[in-house]
């Protein structure tokens, strides 16, 4: 009823009105802290490799390597007097190989259409190399000594004299060169495109 200072306290007083002394312990009420949730950031857009085409640098480099490799494999097959089917095999395999390299390089699964497109680009580079080789051959055959050397080489591959002369005449006439280029364009674009489509279908099973 009295404070230690001697003041008379009213009933249920919490503090002394004279000295300010607290008369009973009060529980501490801690303010509630509302934690704001962390802002949800939008997900990063997934990396989508560029579509197959000449604007895709990786695809162009891989197609160039595979196309040139197919050309040299075809030349080696001819030098070894292997059947003509081996040259066709290398062309188709170049498209498959291009799709395989692109898959390993980027990890991107190619559709059958994209695989065929990559194989077509590969064959186009092979056709460019063939065009340069045919142009160089036509220029060299203007020299009679080189014509005789080519005739002897064709004889060693089992061609008769008439067949050798016929082949040489093809390289020496503009119409023959254009016909050879037309056939080469069809073979060097259609077969690698087919191989690329097969490669995309086969490798998509992984």
N, C-alpha and C. Protein backbone atom coordinates (compact mmCIF):
# COMPACT_ATOMS: atom_id res chain seq x y z
N UNK A 1 0.82 -1.21 0.00
CA UNK A 1 0.00 0.00 0.00
C UNK A 1 0.86 1.26 0.00
N UNK A 2 2.12 1.11 0.41
CA UNK A 2 3.04 2.24 0.42
C UNK A 2 4.29 1.91 -0.41
N UNK A 3 4.85 2.88 -1.01
CA UNK A 3 6.11 2.73 -1.75
C UNK A 3 7.26 2.83 -0.79
N UNK A 4 8.42 2.43 -1.20
CA UNK A 4 9.60 2.52 -0.33
C UNK A 4 9.95 3.96 0.00
N UNK A 5 9.43 4.87 -0.82
CA UNK A 5 9.68 6.29 -0.53
C UNK A 5 8.69 6.85 0.49
N UNK A 6 7.72 6.02 0.90
CA UNK A 6 6.73 6.43 1.89
C UNK A 6 5.44 6.94 1.32
N UNK A 7 5.33 7.05 0.04
CA UNK A 7 4.11 7.57 -0.56
C UNK A 7 3.02 6.50 -0.50
N UNK A 8 1.74 6.98 -0.21
CA UNK A 8 0.60 6.08 -0.18
C UNK A 8 0.18 5.82 -1.62
N UNK A 9 0.07 4.53 -1.96
CA UNK A 9 -0.20 4.16 -3.35
C UNK A 9 -1.67 3.86 -3.56
N UNK A 10 -2.23 4.26 -4.64
CA UNK A 10 -3.61 3.87 -4.95
C UNK A 10 -3.67 2.38 -5.33
N UNK A 11 -4.85 1.87 -5.29
CA UNK A 11 -5.02 0.44 -5.57
C UNK A 11 -4.66 0.14 -7.04
N UNK A 12 -3.94 -0.98 -7.25
CA UNK A 12 -3.53 -1.46 -8.58
C UNK A 12 -2.63 -0.46 -9.30
N UNK A 13 -1.86 0.30 -8.49
CA UNK A 13 -0.92 1.24 -9.13
C UNK A 13 0.25 0.47 -9.74
N UNK A 14 0.69 0.91 -10.88
CA UNK A 14 1.83 0.25 -11.54
C UNK A 14 3.13 0.99 -11.27
N UNK A 15 3.05 2.29 -10.99
CA UNK A 15 4.23 3.10 -10.70
C UNK A 15 3.91 3.99 -9.50
N UNK A 16 4.96 4.32 -8.82
CA UNK A 16 4.81 5.27 -7.71
C UNK A 16 4.64 6.66 -8.29
N UNK A 17 3.58 7.35 -7.83
CA UNK A 17 3.31 8.68 -8.36
C UNK A 17 4.27 9.73 -7.82
N UNK A 18 5.07 9.30 -6.83
CA UNK A 18 5.99 10.27 -6.23
C UNK A 18 7.41 10.10 -6.75
N UNK A 19 7.93 8.82 -6.72
CA UNK A 19 9.32 8.61 -7.16
C UNK A 19 9.43 7.92 -8.51
N UNK A 20 8.30 7.41 -9.03
CA UNK A 20 8.33 6.78 -10.35
C UNK A 20 8.82 5.36 -10.37
N UNK A 21 8.96 4.75 -9.16
CA UNK A 21 9.46 3.38 -9.10
C UNK A 21 8.39 2.43 -9.61
N UNK A 22 8.77 1.46 -10.48
CA UNK A 22 7.79 0.45 -10.92
C UNK A 22 7.45 -0.47 -9.77
N UNK A 23 6.20 -0.80 -9.63
CA UNK A 23 5.74 -1.60 -8.51
C UNK A 23 5.56 -3.07 -8.86
N UNK A 24 5.55 -3.42 -10.13
CA UNK A 24 5.45 -4.82 -10.53
C UNK A 24 6.10 -4.98 -11.91
N UNK A 25 6.57 -6.21 -12.13
CA UNK A 25 7.22 -6.50 -13.42
C UNK A 25 6.17 -6.60 -14.51
N UNK A 26 6.47 -5.97 -15.65
CA UNK A 26 5.58 -6.03 -16.81
C UNK A 26 6.27 -6.86 -17.90
N UNK A 27 5.53 -7.74 -18.51
CA UNK A 27 6.15 -8.52 -19.61
C UNK A 27 6.52 -7.61 -20.77
N UNK A 28 7.69 -7.89 -21.29
CA UNK A 28 8.14 -7.11 -22.44
C UNK A 28 7.43 -7.60 -23.69
N UNK A 29 6.85 -6.68 -24.38
CA UNK A 29 6.15 -7.02 -25.61
C UNK A 29 7.04 -6.60 -26.78
N UNK A 30 7.56 -7.60 -27.46
CA UNK A 30 8.43 -7.31 -28.60
C UNK A 30 7.57 -7.07 -29.84
N UNK A 31 7.90 -6.03 -30.54
CA UNK A 31 7.13 -5.76 -31.76
C UNK A 31 7.32 -6.88 -32.79
N UNK A 32 6.25 -7.21 -33.43
CA UNK A 32 6.33 -8.24 -34.46
C UNK A 32 7.06 -7.69 -35.68
N UNK A 33 7.99 -8.49 -36.12
CA UNK A 33 8.77 -8.11 -37.31
C UNK A 33 8.23 -8.91 -38.49
N UNK A 34 7.70 -8.21 -39.43
CA UNK A 34 7.18 -8.86 -40.62
C UNK A 34 8.26 -8.88 -41.70
N UNK A 35 8.76 -10.06 -41.99
CA UNK A 35 9.78 -10.19 -43.02
C UNK A 35 9.11 -10.24 -44.39
N UNK A 36 9.55 -9.34 -45.21
CA UNK A 36 9.02 -9.33 -46.56
C UNK A 36 9.66 -10.46 -47.37
N UNK A 37 8.84 -11.18 -48.10
CA UNK A 37 9.42 -12.27 -48.91
C UNK A 37 10.36 -11.73 -49.99
N UNK A 38 11.39 -12.51 -50.27
CA UNK A 38 12.35 -12.10 -51.30
C UNK A 38 11.64 -11.98 -52.64
N UNK A 39 11.99 -10.97 -53.39
CA UNK A 39 11.33 -10.81 -54.71
C UNK A 39 11.63 -12.00 -55.60
N UNK A 40 10.63 -12.45 -56.29
CA UNK A 40 10.77 -13.58 -57.20
C UNK A 40 11.22 -13.05 -58.56
N UNK A 41 12.43 -13.43 -58.92
CA UNK A 41 12.97 -12.98 -60.20
C UNK A 41 12.41 -13.83 -61.33
N UNK A 42 12.16 -13.23 -62.43
CA UNK A 42 11.67 -14.03 -63.57
C UNK A 42 12.74 -15.00 -64.03
N UNK A 43 12.36 -16.19 -64.46
CA UNK A 43 13.37 -17.17 -64.90
C UNK A 43 14.11 -16.67 -66.12
N UNK A 44 15.40 -17.03 -66.16
CA UNK A 44 16.21 -16.63 -67.29
C UNK A 44 15.74 -17.38 -68.53
N UNK A 45 15.71 -16.70 -69.63
CA UNK A 45 15.29 -17.40 -70.86
C UNK A 45 16.26 -18.51 -71.21
N UNK A 46 15.74 -19.64 -71.60
CA UNK A 46 16.58 -20.77 -71.97
C UNK A 46 17.35 -20.45 -73.25
N UNK A 47 18.60 -20.93 -73.27
CA UNK A 47 19.45 -20.69 -74.44
C UNK A 47 18.96 -21.56 -75.60
N UNK A 48 18.62 -20.92 -76.67
CA UNK A 48 18.17 -21.63 -77.86
C UNK A 48 19.21 -21.42 -78.95
N UNK A 49 19.92 -22.46 -79.35
CA UNK A 49 20.91 -22.29 -80.42
C UNK A 49 20.25 -21.80 -81.69
N UNK A 50 20.97 -21.04 -82.47
CA UNK A 50 20.37 -20.54 -83.72
C UNK A 50 20.00 -21.68 -84.65
N UNK A 51 19.04 -21.42 -85.49
CA UNK A 51 18.59 -22.45 -86.43
C UNK A 51 19.70 -22.77 -87.42
N UNK A 52 19.58 -23.94 -88.04
CA UNK A 52 20.58 -24.36 -89.01
C UNK A 52 20.46 -23.47 -90.25
N UNK A 53 21.58 -22.89 -90.64
CA UNK A 53 21.62 -22.02 -91.81
C UNK A 53 22.99 -21.37 -91.90
N UNK A 54 23.16 -20.53 -92.90
CA UNK A 54 24.46 -19.90 -93.09
C UNK A 54 24.75 -18.83 -92.04
N UNK A 55 23.74 -18.39 -91.27
CA UNK A 55 23.97 -17.45 -90.19
C UNK A 55 24.44 -18.17 -88.92
N UNK A 56 24.41 -19.48 -88.91
CA UNK A 56 24.87 -20.28 -87.78
C UNK A 56 26.33 -20.63 -88.02
N UNK A 57 27.23 -19.92 -87.32
CA UNK A 57 28.66 -20.10 -87.57
C UNK A 57 29.14 -21.51 -87.28
N UNK A 58 28.65 -22.11 -86.20
CA UNK A 58 29.08 -23.47 -85.86
C UNK A 58 28.66 -24.44 -86.96
N UNK A 59 27.43 -24.32 -87.43
CA UNK A 59 26.94 -25.22 -88.48
C UNK A 59 27.75 -25.05 -89.76
N UNK A 60 28.09 -23.81 -90.11
CA UNK A 60 28.84 -23.56 -91.34
C UNK A 60 30.23 -24.17 -91.25
N UNK A 61 30.91 -24.00 -90.11
CA UNK A 61 32.26 -24.55 -89.97
C UNK A 61 32.25 -26.07 -90.02
N UNK A 62 31.29 -26.67 -89.33
CA UNK A 62 31.21 -28.14 -89.34
C UNK A 62 30.87 -28.65 -90.73
N UNK A 63 29.95 -27.99 -91.42
CA UNK A 63 29.60 -28.41 -92.77
C UNK A 63 30.78 -28.27 -93.73
N UNK A 64 31.57 -27.24 -93.54
CA UNK A 64 32.75 -27.05 -94.39
C UNK A 64 33.74 -28.19 -94.21
N UNK A 65 34.02 -28.53 -92.94
CA UNK A 65 34.96 -29.62 -92.67
C UNK A 65 34.45 -30.93 -93.25
N UNK A 66 33.18 -31.24 -93.01
CA UNK A 66 32.63 -32.51 -93.48
C UNK A 66 32.56 -32.55 -95.01
N UNK A 67 32.22 -31.44 -95.65
CA UNK A 67 32.13 -31.41 -97.10
C UNK A 67 33.48 -31.60 -97.77
N UNK A 68 34.50 -30.90 -97.27
CA UNK A 68 35.84 -31.06 -97.84
C UNK A 68 36.37 -32.46 -97.59
N UNK A 69 36.09 -32.99 -96.40
CA UNK A 69 36.53 -34.36 -96.09
C UNK A 69 35.88 -35.37 -97.03
N UNK A 70 34.60 -35.19 -97.34
CA UNK A 70 33.92 -36.10 -98.26
C UNK A 70 34.54 -36.04 -99.65
N UNK A 71 34.91 -34.84 -100.08
CA UNK A 71 35.53 -34.70 -101.41
C UNK A 71 36.84 -35.46 -101.47
N UNK A 72 37.69 -35.28 -100.47
CA UNK A 72 38.99 -35.95 -100.49
C UNK A 72 38.84 -37.47 -100.35
N UNK A 73 37.85 -37.92 -99.57
CA UNK A 73 37.62 -39.36 -99.48
C UNK A 73 37.17 -39.92 -100.82
N UNK A 74 36.37 -39.16 -101.57
CA UNK A 74 35.95 -39.60 -102.90
C UNK A 74 37.14 -39.66 -103.86
N UNK A 75 38.02 -38.68 -103.75
CA UNK A 75 39.22 -38.68 -104.60
C UNK A 75 40.10 -39.88 -104.28
N UNK A 76 40.28 -40.16 -103.00
CA UNK A 76 41.11 -41.31 -102.60
C UNK A 76 40.48 -42.61 -103.09
N UNK A 77 39.16 -42.70 -103.02
CA UNK A 77 38.48 -43.90 -103.52
C UNK A 77 38.74 -44.08 -105.01
N UNK A 78 38.74 -42.96 -105.75
CA UNK A 78 39.03 -43.04 -107.19
C UNK A 78 40.47 -43.44 -107.45
N UNK A 79 41.41 -42.91 -106.64
CA UNK A 79 42.81 -43.27 -106.82
C UNK A 79 43.07 -44.74 -106.52
N UNK A 80 42.31 -45.29 -105.58
CA UNK A 80 42.48 -46.70 -105.22
C UNK A 80 41.66 -47.62 -106.12
N UNK A 81 41.02 -47.04 -107.14
CA UNK A 81 40.20 -47.81 -108.08
C UNK A 81 39.11 -48.60 -107.38
N UNK A 82 38.54 -48.00 -106.33
CA UNK A 82 37.42 -48.64 -105.64
C UNK A 82 36.14 -48.45 -106.46
N UNK A 83 35.13 -49.27 -106.23
CA UNK A 83 33.87 -49.09 -106.97
C UNK A 83 33.28 -47.70 -106.75
N UNK A 84 32.52 -47.26 -107.75
CA UNK A 84 31.93 -45.92 -107.71
C UNK A 84 31.00 -45.75 -106.53
N UNK A 85 30.44 -46.86 -106.04
CA UNK A 85 29.52 -46.78 -104.91
C UNK A 85 30.18 -46.20 -103.67
N UNK A 86 31.51 -46.36 -103.56
CA UNK A 86 32.20 -45.82 -102.39
C UNK A 86 32.15 -44.30 -102.38
N UNK A 87 32.22 -43.68 -103.55
CA UNK A 87 32.12 -42.22 -103.61
C UNK A 87 30.75 -41.76 -103.13
N UNK A 88 29.70 -42.48 -103.54
CA UNK A 88 28.36 -42.14 -103.07
C UNK A 88 28.25 -42.35 -101.56
N UNK A 89 28.92 -43.39 -101.07
CA UNK A 89 28.88 -43.66 -99.63
C UNK A 89 29.51 -42.52 -98.84
N UNK A 90 30.64 -42.00 -99.33
CA UNK A 90 31.30 -40.90 -98.62
C UNK A 90 30.42 -39.66 -98.60
N UNK A 91 29.71 -39.41 -99.68
CA UNK A 91 28.84 -38.22 -99.73
C UNK A 91 27.71 -38.32 -98.71
N UNK A 92 27.07 -39.49 -98.66
CA UNK A 92 26.01 -39.66 -97.66
C UNK A 92 26.54 -39.64 -96.25
N UNK A 93 27.73 -40.24 -96.05
CA UNK A 93 28.32 -40.28 -94.71
C UNK A 93 28.73 -38.90 -94.24
N UNK A 94 29.04 -37.99 -95.18
CA UNK A 94 29.46 -36.65 -94.77
C UNK A 94 28.31 -35.91 -94.07
N UNK A 95 27.07 -36.08 -94.56
CA UNK A 95 25.93 -35.46 -93.89
C UNK A 95 25.71 -36.04 -92.50
N UNK A 96 25.82 -37.35 -92.38
CA UNK A 96 25.69 -38.00 -91.08
C UNK A 96 26.78 -37.50 -90.13
N UNK A 97 28.00 -37.41 -90.63
CA UNK A 97 29.14 -36.96 -89.81
C UNK A 97 28.95 -35.52 -89.36
N UNK A 98 28.40 -34.67 -90.24
CA UNK A 98 28.17 -33.27 -89.88
C UNK A 98 27.16 -33.16 -88.74
N UNK A 99 26.09 -33.95 -88.81
CA UNK A 99 25.09 -33.94 -87.74
C UNK A 99 25.70 -34.45 -86.43
N UNK A 100 26.54 -35.47 -86.53
CA UNK A 100 27.20 -36.01 -85.33
C UNK A 100 28.10 -34.96 -84.68
N UNK A 101 28.89 -34.27 -85.49
CA UNK A 101 29.78 -33.23 -84.94
C UNK A 101 28.98 -32.08 -84.34
N UNK A 102 27.90 -31.69 -84.99
CA UNK A 102 27.09 -30.58 -84.47
C UNK A 102 26.44 -30.96 -83.15
N UNK A 103 26.00 -32.21 -83.05
CA UNK A 103 25.39 -32.68 -81.80
C UNK A 103 26.42 -32.68 -80.68
N UNK A 104 27.64 -33.13 -80.98
CA UNK A 104 28.69 -33.15 -79.96
C UNK A 104 29.12 -31.74 -79.57
N UNK A 105 29.13 -30.84 -80.52
CA UNK A 105 29.62 -29.48 -80.27
C UNK A 105 28.61 -28.65 -79.48
N UNK A 106 27.33 -28.78 -79.78
CA UNK A 106 26.32 -27.92 -79.17
C UNK A 106 25.40 -28.65 -78.20
N UNK A 107 25.31 -29.98 -78.30
CA UNK A 107 24.36 -30.72 -77.48
C UNK A 107 22.92 -30.55 -77.93
N UNK A 108 22.71 -29.93 -79.07
CA UNK A 108 21.36 -29.67 -79.57
C UNK A 108 20.87 -30.85 -80.39
N UNK A 109 19.65 -31.27 -80.12
CA UNK A 109 19.02 -32.31 -80.93
C UNK A 109 18.46 -31.68 -82.20
N UNK A 110 18.78 -32.29 -83.29
CA UNK A 110 18.32 -31.76 -84.57
C UNK A 110 17.12 -32.56 -85.07
N UNK A 111 16.16 -31.85 -85.63
CA UNK A 111 15.06 -32.53 -86.28
C UNK A 111 15.55 -33.12 -87.61
N UNK A 112 14.73 -33.95 -88.20
CA UNK A 112 15.10 -34.55 -89.48
C UNK A 112 15.29 -33.47 -90.54
N UNK A 113 14.43 -32.45 -90.50
CA UNK A 113 14.54 -31.36 -91.47
C UNK A 113 15.83 -30.56 -91.27
N UNK A 114 16.16 -30.26 -90.00
CA UNK A 114 17.40 -29.54 -89.73
C UNK A 114 18.63 -30.38 -90.08
N UNK A 115 18.55 -31.69 -89.81
CA UNK A 115 19.66 -32.57 -90.19
C UNK A 115 19.87 -32.59 -91.69
N UNK A 116 18.76 -32.63 -92.45
CA UNK A 116 18.88 -32.59 -93.91
C UNK A 116 19.44 -31.25 -94.38
N UNK A 117 19.04 -30.18 -93.71
CA UNK A 117 19.56 -28.85 -94.08
C UNK A 117 21.06 -28.76 -93.82
N UNK A 118 21.50 -29.28 -92.68
CA UNK A 118 22.94 -29.27 -92.38
C UNK A 118 23.70 -30.12 -93.39
N UNK A 119 23.15 -31.29 -93.74
CA UNK A 119 23.80 -32.12 -94.75
C UNK A 119 23.84 -31.44 -96.11
N UNK A 120 22.79 -30.70 -96.45
CA UNK A 120 22.77 -29.98 -97.72
C UNK A 120 23.86 -28.92 -97.77
N UNK A 121 24.05 -28.18 -96.67
CA UNK A 121 25.12 -27.18 -96.62
C UNK A 121 26.47 -27.86 -96.75
N UNK A 122 26.61 -29.01 -96.08
CA UNK A 122 27.86 -29.78 -96.18
C UNK A 122 28.12 -30.16 -97.63
N UNK A 123 27.10 -30.68 -98.33
CA UNK A 123 27.27 -31.05 -99.73
C UNK A 123 27.55 -29.86 -100.62
N UNK A 124 27.00 -28.69 -100.27
CA UNK A 124 27.24 -27.50 -101.06
C UNK A 124 28.72 -27.11 -101.02
N UNK A 125 29.32 -27.22 -99.85
CA UNK A 125 30.76 -26.94 -99.76
C UNK A 125 31.56 -27.97 -100.56
N UNK A 126 31.14 -29.24 -100.51
CA UNK A 126 31.80 -30.24 -101.32
C UNK A 126 31.68 -29.94 -102.81
N UNK A 127 30.50 -29.46 -103.22
CA UNK A 127 30.31 -29.11 -104.63
C UNK A 127 31.21 -27.94 -105.03
N UNK A 128 31.40 -26.98 -104.14
CA UNK A 128 32.29 -25.85 -104.46
C UNK A 128 33.71 -26.35 -104.69
N UNK A 129 34.15 -27.30 -103.87
CA UNK A 129 35.50 -27.86 -104.06
C UNK A 129 35.57 -28.60 -105.39
N UNK A 130 34.51 -29.35 -105.74
CA UNK A 130 34.48 -30.06 -107.03
C UNK A 130 34.54 -29.07 -108.18
N UNK A 131 33.83 -27.96 -108.07
CA UNK A 131 33.84 -26.94 -109.13
C UNK A 131 35.25 -26.39 -109.33
N UNK A 132 35.93 -26.10 -108.21
CA UNK A 132 37.31 -25.60 -108.32
C UNK A 132 38.22 -26.66 -108.94
N UNK A 133 38.01 -27.92 -108.56
CA UNK A 133 38.85 -28.98 -109.11
C UNK A 133 38.61 -29.16 -110.61
N UNK A 134 37.34 -29.09 -111.04
CA UNK A 134 37.03 -29.21 -112.46
C UNK A 134 37.61 -28.03 -113.25
N UNK A 135 37.53 -26.84 -112.69
CA UNK A 135 38.09 -25.67 -113.37
C UNK A 135 39.60 -25.81 -113.51
N UNK A 136 40.26 -26.28 -112.43
CA UNK A 136 41.71 -26.46 -112.50
C UNK A 136 42.07 -27.54 -113.52
N UNK A 137 41.26 -28.62 -113.57
CA UNK A 137 41.53 -29.69 -114.54
C UNK A 137 41.36 -29.19 -115.96
N UNK A 138 40.32 -28.40 -116.22
CA UNK A 138 40.11 -27.87 -117.56
C UNK A 138 41.26 -26.96 -118.00
N UNK A 139 41.78 -26.19 -117.04
CA UNK A 139 42.92 -25.31 -117.37
C UNK A 139 44.16 -26.14 -117.67
N UNK A 140 44.40 -27.19 -116.86
CA UNK A 140 45.60 -28.01 -117.06
C UNK A 140 45.55 -28.79 -118.37
N UNK A 141 44.34 -29.19 -118.80
CA UNK A 141 44.24 -29.97 -120.03
C UNK A 141 44.45 -29.14 -121.28
N UNK A 142 44.68 -27.87 -121.12
CA UNK A 142 45.07 -27.06 -122.28
C UNK A 142 46.52 -27.32 -122.68
N UNK A 143 47.26 -28.00 -121.82
CA UNK A 143 48.64 -28.36 -122.09
C UNK A 143 48.67 -29.79 -122.64
N UNK A 144 49.20 -30.03 -123.84
CA UNK A 144 49.20 -31.38 -124.42
C UNK A 144 49.96 -32.40 -123.57
N UNK A 145 51.01 -31.99 -122.92
CA UNK A 145 51.77 -32.94 -122.09
C UNK A 145 50.93 -33.43 -120.91
N UNK A 146 50.13 -32.53 -120.33
CA UNK A 146 49.26 -32.94 -119.23
C UNK A 146 48.13 -33.84 -119.73
N UNK A 147 47.69 -33.61 -120.97
CA UNK A 147 46.66 -34.49 -121.54
C UNK A 147 47.20 -35.91 -121.67
N UNK A 148 48.45 -36.02 -122.16
CA UNK A 148 49.06 -37.34 -122.30
C UNK A 148 49.25 -38.00 -120.93
N UNK A 149 49.65 -37.21 -119.93
CA UNK A 149 49.84 -37.77 -118.58
C UNK A 149 48.51 -38.25 -118.00
N UNK A 150 47.44 -37.50 -118.24
CA UNK A 150 46.13 -37.91 -117.73
C UNK A 150 45.64 -39.16 -118.46
N UNK A 151 45.92 -39.24 -119.77
CA UNK A 151 45.52 -40.43 -120.53
C UNK A 151 46.23 -41.67 -119.99
N UNK A 152 47.52 -41.52 -119.69
CA UNK A 152 48.27 -42.66 -119.15
C UNK A 152 47.73 -43.06 -117.77
N UNK A 153 47.36 -42.08 -116.97
CA UNK A 153 46.83 -42.38 -115.64
C UNK A 153 45.49 -43.11 -115.74
N UNK A 154 44.66 -42.70 -116.68
CA UNK A 154 43.38 -43.38 -116.86
C UNK A 154 43.58 -44.80 -117.36
N UNK A 155 44.61 -45.00 -118.17
CA UNK A 155 44.90 -46.36 -118.63
C UNK A 155 45.29 -47.25 -117.46
N UNK A 156 46.04 -46.69 -116.52
CA UNK A 156 46.45 -47.50 -115.36
C UNK A 156 45.26 -47.89 -114.49
N UNK A 157 44.17 -47.13 -114.57
CA UNK A 157 42.97 -47.45 -113.81
C UNK A 157 42.03 -48.40 -114.57
N UNK A 158 42.49 -48.92 -115.69
CA UNK A 158 41.71 -49.92 -116.40
C UNK A 158 40.80 -49.39 -117.48
N UNK A 159 40.88 -48.09 -117.80
CA UNK A 159 40.03 -47.55 -118.86
C UNK A 159 40.68 -47.80 -120.22
N UNK A 160 39.85 -48.07 -121.19
CA UNK A 160 40.35 -48.24 -122.54
C UNK A 160 40.75 -46.89 -123.12
N UNK A 161 41.45 -46.94 -124.25
CA UNK A 161 41.90 -45.69 -124.86
C UNK A 161 40.72 -44.83 -125.29
N UNK A 162 39.67 -45.48 -125.81
CA UNK A 162 38.50 -44.72 -126.25
C UNK A 162 37.79 -44.09 -125.06
N UNK A 163 37.67 -44.83 -123.95
CA UNK A 163 37.01 -44.28 -122.77
C UNK A 163 37.82 -43.14 -122.17
N UNK A 164 39.15 -43.30 -122.18
CA UNK A 164 40.00 -42.24 -121.65
C UNK A 164 39.88 -40.97 -122.49
N UNK A 165 39.88 -41.13 -123.82
CA UNK A 165 39.74 -39.96 -124.67
C UNK A 165 38.37 -39.30 -124.50
N UNK A 166 37.35 -40.12 -124.30
CA UNK A 166 36.01 -39.57 -124.09
C UNK A 166 35.94 -38.76 -122.79
N UNK A 167 36.58 -39.27 -121.74
CA UNK A 167 36.58 -38.55 -120.47
C UNK A 167 37.37 -37.26 -120.57
N UNK A 168 38.47 -37.30 -121.29
CA UNK A 168 39.27 -36.09 -121.46
C UNK A 168 38.50 -35.04 -122.26
N UNK A 169 37.76 -35.50 -123.28
CA UNK A 169 36.96 -34.56 -124.07
C UNK A 169 35.88 -33.89 -123.23
N UNK A 170 35.39 -34.60 -122.22
CA UNK A 170 34.39 -34.00 -121.33
C UNK A 170 34.98 -32.81 -120.60
N UNK A 171 36.22 -32.96 -120.12
CA UNK A 171 36.85 -31.87 -119.37
C UNK A 171 37.30 -30.73 -120.28
N UNK A 172 37.41 -31.00 -121.56
CA UNK A 172 37.91 -29.96 -122.46
C UNK A 172 36.80 -29.21 -123.17
N UNK A 173 35.55 -29.64 -123.01
CA UNK A 173 34.43 -28.95 -123.67
C UNK A 173 33.57 -28.25 -122.62
N UNK A 174 33.11 -27.02 -122.90
CA UNK A 174 32.26 -26.33 -121.93
C UNK A 174 30.97 -27.08 -121.61
N UNK A 175 30.36 -27.69 -122.63
CA UNK A 175 29.12 -28.44 -122.36
C UNK A 175 29.38 -29.65 -121.48
N UNK A 176 30.52 -30.30 -121.68
CA UNK A 176 30.86 -31.44 -120.84
C UNK A 176 31.10 -31.03 -119.40
N UNK A 177 31.76 -29.89 -119.22
CA UNK A 177 32.01 -29.41 -117.86
C UNK A 177 30.71 -29.02 -117.18
N UNK A 178 29.81 -28.36 -117.92
CA UNK A 178 28.52 -27.98 -117.33
C UNK A 178 27.70 -29.21 -116.95
N UNK A 179 27.75 -30.24 -117.79
CA UNK A 179 27.03 -31.47 -117.46
C UNK A 179 27.62 -32.13 -116.22
N UNK A 180 28.96 -32.14 -116.14
CA UNK A 180 29.61 -32.72 -114.96
C UNK A 180 29.26 -31.94 -113.70
N UNK A 181 29.20 -30.60 -113.83
CA UNK A 181 28.84 -29.78 -112.68
C UNK A 181 27.40 -30.03 -112.25
N UNK A 182 26.50 -30.21 -113.22
CA UNK A 182 25.10 -30.46 -112.88
C UNK A 182 24.95 -31.78 -112.13
N UNK A 183 25.63 -32.82 -112.62
CA UNK A 183 25.57 -34.12 -111.94
C UNK A 183 26.20 -34.03 -110.56
N UNK A 184 27.33 -33.32 -110.46
CA UNK A 184 28.00 -33.18 -109.17
C UNK A 184 27.14 -32.42 -108.17
N UNK A 185 26.43 -31.39 -108.66
CA UNK A 185 25.58 -30.62 -107.74
C UNK A 185 24.48 -31.49 -107.16
N UNK A 186 23.86 -32.30 -108.01
CA UNK A 186 22.79 -33.17 -107.52
C UNK A 186 23.33 -34.18 -106.51
N UNK A 187 24.46 -34.81 -106.85
CA UNK A 187 25.00 -35.84 -105.97
C UNK A 187 25.53 -35.25 -104.66
N UNK A 188 26.23 -34.11 -104.76
CA UNK A 188 26.86 -33.54 -103.57
C UNK A 188 25.90 -32.78 -102.68
N UNK A 189 24.67 -32.60 -103.10
CA UNK A 189 23.68 -31.96 -102.22
C UNK A 189 22.61 -32.94 -101.77
N UNK A 190 22.17 -33.82 -102.67
CA UNK A 190 21.10 -34.74 -102.30
C UNK A 190 21.59 -35.83 -101.34
N UNK A 191 22.74 -36.43 -101.64
CA UNK A 191 23.22 -37.52 -100.79
C UNK A 191 23.61 -37.05 -99.38
N UNK A 192 24.36 -35.95 -99.21
CA UNK A 192 24.63 -35.48 -97.84
C UNK A 192 23.36 -35.06 -97.11
N UNK A 193 22.38 -34.48 -97.82
CA UNK A 193 21.12 -34.12 -97.16
C UNK A 193 20.41 -35.37 -96.65
N UNK A 194 20.44 -36.42 -97.45
CA UNK A 194 19.83 -37.69 -97.02
C UNK A 194 20.59 -38.25 -95.82
N UNK A 195 21.92 -38.20 -95.86
CA UNK A 195 22.72 -38.68 -94.73
C UNK A 195 22.49 -37.85 -93.47
N UNK A 196 22.32 -36.52 -93.63
CA UNK A 196 22.04 -35.68 -92.47
C UNK A 196 20.69 -35.99 -91.85
N UNK A 197 19.68 -36.26 -92.68
CA UNK A 197 18.36 -36.61 -92.16
C UNK A 197 18.41 -37.94 -91.40
N UNK A 198 19.14 -38.92 -91.96
CA UNK A 198 19.30 -40.21 -91.28
C UNK A 198 20.04 -40.03 -89.97
N UNK A 199 21.09 -39.18 -89.98
CA UNK A 199 21.85 -38.94 -88.76
C UNK A 199 21.01 -38.29 -87.67
N UNK A 200 20.19 -37.30 -88.05
CA UNK A 200 19.33 -36.64 -87.05
C UNK A 200 18.33 -37.62 -86.47
N UNK A 201 17.77 -38.49 -87.31
CA UNK A 201 16.80 -39.47 -86.84
C UNK A 201 17.47 -40.50 -85.94
N UNK A 202 18.64 -40.96 -86.31
CA UNK A 202 19.34 -42.00 -85.56
C UNK A 202 19.87 -41.47 -84.23
N UNK A 203 20.51 -40.31 -84.26
CA UNK A 203 21.13 -39.76 -83.05
C UNK A 203 20.10 -39.20 -82.08
N UNK A 204 18.88 -38.98 -82.52
CA UNK A 204 17.82 -38.49 -81.62
C UNK A 204 17.32 -39.56 -80.69
N UNK A 205 17.74 -40.81 -80.87
CA UNK A 205 17.31 -41.89 -80.00
C UNK A 205 18.03 -41.88 -78.67
N UNK A 206 19.16 -41.14 -78.57
CA UNK A 206 19.94 -41.15 -77.31
C UNK A 206 19.15 -40.50 -76.20
